[in-house]
């Protein structure tokens, strides 16, 4: 298995970007955030990429911040720039000119939920779930709020953020968050089939239409350019600052604390 925390490959117009920390349920560290930002910048610059497929290694999507690393004493060297790294990763996804298809297997929790919500089209397993659980931990949720309020009505953001509950595939489809809900074992296959389908269309038209959707339809206003996008994420970050470590409490998935 590769030691790289984010894997990238390109085939037939589909760029596969994989969060690669399965031993930690693909939990977020500074290096993972940096790798994700680098991956999206790289694929965004390629003319032969028409769609991005974002997934997690090991049969799960992303369990949020790696609280073992974030609460370490002494802190890891990357901690001083962790917030900037995470925001940069989200901005790189936002700036991606082609559609991002997400394959949500099993769980997308807190910071992991924000990566799932960043996807333009999300394929979710029937028992897989998103949990924006920061309210239960006394934590902020700026990146989740940024994506939710850019894409969805306030009512959807309120349900996910203010309850802190798990929303499974059918719940997410009802809310309009999930494009498709499939059997758990079919998530990656179905997401890839969707990505392959999109990859067959005119590259220029795909890019133009994605840009037009953001420019004309974003709930949070016209945030389709880099200046508007950065201002939107900076506003979200300022309203509810990102955590920087120290006593953050885990929530639980599959009977295990998400502190890995």
Protein backbone atom coordinates (compact mmCIF):
# COMPACT_ATOMS: atom_id res chain seq x y z
CA UNK A 1 0.00 0.00 0.00
CA UNK A 2 1.29 3.47 -0.85
CA UNK A 3 2.40 5.75 1.99
CA UNK A 4 0.95 8.76 0.20
CA UNK A 5 -2.07 10.16 2.03
CA UNK A 6 -3.83 11.10 -1.21
CA UNK A 7 -3.64 9.01 -4.38
CA UNK A 8 -4.28 10.34 -7.89
CA UNK A 9 -4.71 8.53 -11.19
CA UNK A 10 -6.19 9.55 -14.54
CA UNK A 11 -7.83 7.26 -17.07
CA UNK A 12 -10.14 8.07 -19.99
CA UNK A 13 -10.95 11.56 -18.76
CA UNK A 14 -11.66 10.50 -15.16
CA UNK A 15 -9.28 11.66 -12.42
CA UNK A 16 -9.55 9.40 -9.39
CA UNK A 17 -8.59 11.14 -6.13
CA UNK A 18 -8.49 8.82 -3.13
CA UNK A 19 -8.08 9.68 0.56
CA UNK A 20 -5.52 7.07 1.60
CA UNK A 21 -5.36 6.64 5.37
CA UNK A 22 -7.55 3.54 5.75
CA UNK A 23 -5.83 2.56 9.03
CA UNK A 24 -7.26 5.83 10.45
CA UNK A 25 -10.59 5.69 8.62
CA UNK A 26 -9.10 8.26 6.21
CA UNK A 27 -9.01 10.84 8.99
CA UNK A 28 -7.75 14.31 8.14
CA UNK A 29 -4.26 15.52 8.97
CA UNK A 30 -2.33 18.50 7.68
CA UNK A 31 -0.46 16.36 5.15
CA UNK A 32 -3.71 14.81 3.91
CA UNK A 33 -5.23 18.26 3.43
CA UNK A 34 -2.09 19.43 1.62
CA UNK A 35 -2.16 16.34 -0.58
CA UNK A 36 -5.81 16.88 -1.42
CA UNK A 37 -5.19 20.51 -2.36
CA UNK A 38 -2.22 19.50 -4.54
CA UNK A 39 -4.24 16.73 -6.18
CA UNK A 40 -7.13 18.99 -7.13
CA UNK A 41 -4.83 21.73 -8.39
CA UNK A 42 -3.01 19.19 -10.53
CA UNK A 43 -6.08 17.59 -12.08
CA UNK A 44 -7.72 20.99 -12.57
CA UNK A 45 -4.79 22.06 -14.73
CA UNK A 46 -5.07 19.05 -17.05
CA UNK A 47 -6.90 19.30 -20.35
CA UNK A 48 -7.47 15.55 -20.44
CA UNK A 49 -9.58 15.49 -17.25
CA UNK A 50 -13.32 15.91 -17.64
CA UNK A 51 -14.49 14.76 -14.20
CA UNK A 52 -13.04 13.93 -10.78
CA UNK A 53 -14.03 10.89 -8.71
CA UNK A 54 -13.39 11.47 -4.99
CA UNK A 55 -13.42 8.47 -2.65
CA UNK A 56 -11.78 6.95 0.39
CA UNK A 57 -9.55 3.90 0.62
CA UNK A 58 -10.46 0.81 2.60
CA UNK A 59 -14.22 0.92 2.20
CA UNK A 60 -14.92 4.18 4.06
CA UNK A 61 -15.01 7.83 3.00
CA UNK A 62 -13.63 10.06 5.77
CA UNK A 63 -14.10 10.10 9.54
CA UNK A 64 -13.15 13.75 10.10
CA UNK A 65 -10.12 15.23 11.83
CA UNK A 66 -7.59 12.78 13.23
CA UNK A 67 -8.01 13.71 16.88
CA UNK A 68 -5.01 11.63 17.96
CA UNK A 69 -2.85 13.88 15.80
CA UNK A 70 -4.72 17.10 16.57
CA UNK A 71 -4.58 16.51 20.34
CA UNK A 72 -0.98 15.23 20.38
CA UNK A 73 1.47 16.68 22.90
CA UNK A 74 3.76 17.93 21.56
CA UNK A 75 1.76 18.82 18.45
CA UNK A 76 2.95 17.59 15.05
CA UNK A 77 5.05 20.04 12.99
CA UNK A 78 2.17 20.71 10.58
CA UNK A 79 -0.22 21.86 13.31
CA UNK A 80 0.74 25.53 12.98
CA UNK A 81 -0.56 25.56 9.39
CA UNK A 82 -3.36 22.98 9.75
CA UNK A 83 -6.18 25.48 9.39
CA UNK A 84 -4.67 27.03 6.28
CA UNK A 85 -4.10 23.57 4.80
CA UNK A 86 -7.71 22.54 5.33
CA UNK A 87 -9.12 25.75 3.87
CA UNK A 88 -6.74 25.43 0.90
CA UNK A 89 -8.03 21.91 0.23
CA UNK A 90 -11.61 23.14 0.11
CA UNK A 91 -10.70 26.08 -2.11
CA UNK A 92 -8.91 23.72 -4.51
CA UNK A 93 -12.06 21.60 -4.74
CA UNK A 94 -14.17 24.72 -5.19
CA UNK A 95 -11.88 25.96 -7.96
CA UNK A 96 -12.02 22.65 -9.83
CA UNK A 97 -13.51 23.47 -13.25
CA UNK A 98 -14.95 19.99 -13.87
CA UNK A 99 -17.64 18.09 -11.96
CA UNK A 100 -16.63 16.25 -8.80
CA UNK A 101 -18.40 12.93 -8.21
CA UNK A 102 -18.22 11.59 -4.67
CA UNK A 103 -18.37 7.93 -3.64
CA UNK A 104 -19.62 7.95 -0.06
CA UNK A 105 -19.00 4.58 1.53
CA UNK A 106 -19.97 3.93 5.17
CA UNK A 107 -19.28 7.31 6.79
CA UNK A 108 -18.50 10.97 6.22
CA UNK A 109 -18.22 12.65 9.60
CA UNK A 110 -17.57 16.30 10.51
CA UNK A 111 -14.59 17.36 8.39
CA UNK A 112 -15.20 14.30 6.25
CA UNK A 113 -18.79 15.39 5.75
CA UNK A 114 -17.49 18.69 4.38
CA UNK A 115 -15.48 16.83 1.73
CA UNK A 116 -18.59 14.84 0.77
CA UNK A 117 -20.70 18.01 0.60
CA UNK A 118 -18.03 19.56 -1.63
CA UNK A 119 -18.89 17.05 -4.37
CA UNK A 120 -21.17 18.17 -7.19
CA UNK A 121 -22.78 14.73 -7.44
CA UNK A 122 -22.77 12.31 -4.52
CA UNK A 123 -23.40 8.57 -4.72
CA UNK A 124 -24.20 7.14 -1.29
CA UNK A 125 -24.62 3.64 0.09
CA UNK A 126 -27.97 2.74 1.60
CA UNK A 127 -26.57 2.52 5.13
CA UNK A 128 -23.74 5.00 4.60
CA UNK A 129 -24.21 8.34 6.29
CA UNK A 130 -23.19 11.96 6.65
CA UNK A 131 -22.92 13.33 10.17
CA UNK A 132 -22.20 16.99 10.79
CA UNK A 133 -21.74 16.30 14.47
CA UNK A 134 -19.77 19.32 15.66
CA UNK A 135 -22.72 20.67 17.64
CA UNK A 136 -22.50 17.58 19.87
CA UNK A 137 -18.81 18.22 20.52
CA UNK A 138 -18.85 21.94 21.16
CA UNK A 139 -16.95 22.54 17.93
CA UNK A 140 -17.42 24.82 14.94
CA UNK A 141 -18.35 23.59 11.46
CA UNK A 142 -17.20 26.32 9.06
CA UNK A 143 -16.45 24.22 5.99
CA UNK A 144 -19.67 22.24 6.34
CA UNK A 145 -21.60 25.50 6.60
CA UNK A 146 -19.75 26.97 3.62
CA UNK A 147 -20.72 24.09 1.33
CA UNK A 148 -24.23 23.60 2.70
CA UNK A 149 -25.19 27.26 2.37
CA UNK A 150 -23.58 27.57 -1.06
CA UNK A 151 -25.47 24.55 -2.42
CA UNK A 152 -28.66 24.05 -0.41
CA UNK A 153 -31.47 25.96 1.32
CA UNK A 154 -31.09 27.04 4.94
CA UNK A 155 -33.60 24.36 5.92
CA UNK A 156 -31.25 21.60 4.74
CA UNK A 157 -28.26 23.15 6.51
CA UNK A 158 -30.32 23.49 9.69
CA UNK A 159 -31.31 19.83 9.70
CA UNK A 160 -27.77 18.56 9.23
CA UNK A 161 -25.94 21.07 11.43
CA UNK A 162 -28.33 21.76 14.31
CA UNK A 163 -29.25 18.15 15.05
CA UNK A 164 -25.82 16.57 14.69
CA UNK A 165 -27.59 13.40 13.62
CA UNK A 166 -26.60 10.78 11.10
CA UNK A 167 -28.36 11.11 7.76
CA UNK A 168 -28.24 7.88 5.76
CA UNK A 169 -28.47 7.43 2.01
CA UNK A 170 -32.25 7.66 1.79
CA UNK A 171 -32.30 10.70 4.11
CA UNK A 172 -29.71 12.43 1.95
CA UNK A 173 -31.62 11.63 -1.22
CA UNK A 174 -34.80 13.07 0.30
CA UNK A 175 -32.94 16.28 1.12
CA UNK A 176 -31.46 16.50 -2.37
CA UNK A 177 -27.91 15.99 -1.10
CA UNK A 178 -27.42 12.54 -2.67
CA UNK A 179 -27.66 12.12 -6.43
CA UNK A 180 -28.13 8.37 -6.11
CA UNK A 181 -28.48 5.76 -3.37
CA UNK A 182 -27.22 2.26 -4.09
CA UNK A 183 -26.38 -0.94 -2.25
CA UNK A 184 -23.37 -0.40 -0.02
CA UNK A 185 -21.17 -2.74 -2.03
CA UNK A 186 -22.02 -0.90 -5.26
CA UNK A 187 -21.04 2.64 -4.25
CA UNK A 188 -17.66 2.90 -5.97
CA UNK A 189 -18.82 1.01 -9.05
CA UNK A 190 -21.89 3.25 -9.43
CA UNK A 191 -19.93 6.44 -8.79
CA UNK A 192 -17.31 5.44 -11.36
CA UNK A 193 -20.02 4.63 -13.92
CA UNK A 194 -21.46 8.11 -13.40
CA UNK A 195 -18.01 9.68 -13.78
CA UNK A 196 -17.31 7.69 -16.95
CA UNK A 197 -20.63 8.85 -18.38
CA UNK A 198 -19.79 12.51 -17.73
CA UNK A 199 -16.28 12.05 -19.13
CA UNK A 200 -17.75 11.26 -22.55
CA UNK A 201 -19.30 14.70 -23.02
CA UNK A 202 -17.68 17.78 -24.54
CA UNK A 203 -15.02 19.03 -22.15
CA UNK A 204 -15.66 22.69 -22.95
CA UNK A 205 -19.39 22.32 -22.46
CA UNK A 206 -19.03 20.44 -19.17
CA UNK A 207 -16.76 23.17 -17.81
CA UNK A 208 -18.97 25.98 -19.07
CA UNK A 209 -22.11 24.46 -17.58
CA UNK A 210 -20.51 23.83 -14.19
CA UNK A 211 -19.33 27.43 -14.09
CA UNK A 212 -22.78 28.68 -15.06
CA UNK A 213 -24.42 26.64 -12.30
CA UNK A 214 -22.23 28.27 -9.68
CA UNK A 215 -22.54 31.73 -11.18
CA UNK A 216 -26.31 31.69 -11.51
CA UNK A 217 -27.54 29.21 -8.97
CA UNK A 218 -25.43 29.22 -5.81
CA UNK A 219 -27.64 29.85 -2.81
CA UNK A 220 -24.93 31.97 -1.24
CA UNK A 221 -24.74 34.29 -4.22
CA UNK A 222 -22.37 34.52 -7.19
CA UNK A 223 -19.27 32.71 -5.97
CA UNK A 224 -18.14 31.16 -9.23
CA UNK A 225 -14.80 32.97 -9.52
CA UNK A 226 -11.77 32.52 -7.29
CA UNK A 227 -12.17 35.91 -5.59
CA UNK A 228 -15.80 35.26 -4.74
CA UNK A 229 -15.07 31.71 -3.64
CA UNK A 230 -12.21 32.69 -1.36
CA UNK A 231 -14.33 35.44 0.19
CA UNK A 232 -17.15 32.94 0.82
CA UNK A 233 -14.88 30.43 2.57
CA UNK A 234 -13.12 33.20 4.52
CA UNK A 235 -16.51 34.44 5.68
CA UNK A 236 -17.50 30.94 6.84
CA UNK A 237 -14.18 30.48 8.59
CA UNK A 238 -14.47 33.84 10.37
CA UNK A 239 -18.03 33.17 11.54
CA UNK A 240 -17.17 29.79 13.09
CA UNK A 241 -13.40 29.34 13.42
CA UNK A 242 -11.80 25.98 12.69
CA UNK A 243 -10.51 24.00 15.68
CA UNK A 244 -6.77 23.87 16.28
CA UNK A 245 -6.53 20.94 18.70
CA UNK A 246 -6.74 20.50 22.43
CA UNK A 247 -9.44 18.41 24.04
CA UNK A 248 -11.68 17.83 21.01
CA UNK A 249 -14.03 14.96 21.85
CA UNK A 250 -14.57 12.06 19.44
CA UNK A 251 -17.86 10.77 18.19
CA UNK A 252 -18.33 7.12 17.35
CA UNK A 253 -18.63 5.02 14.21
CA UNK A 254 -19.06 1.25 14.23
CA UNK A 255 -18.61 1.21 17.99
CA UNK A 256 -15.25 2.96 17.81
CA UNK A 257 -14.31 6.51 18.74
CA UNK A 258 -13.44 8.60 15.72
CA UNK A 259 -10.19 9.44 17.43
CA UNK A 260 -8.85 6.28 15.77
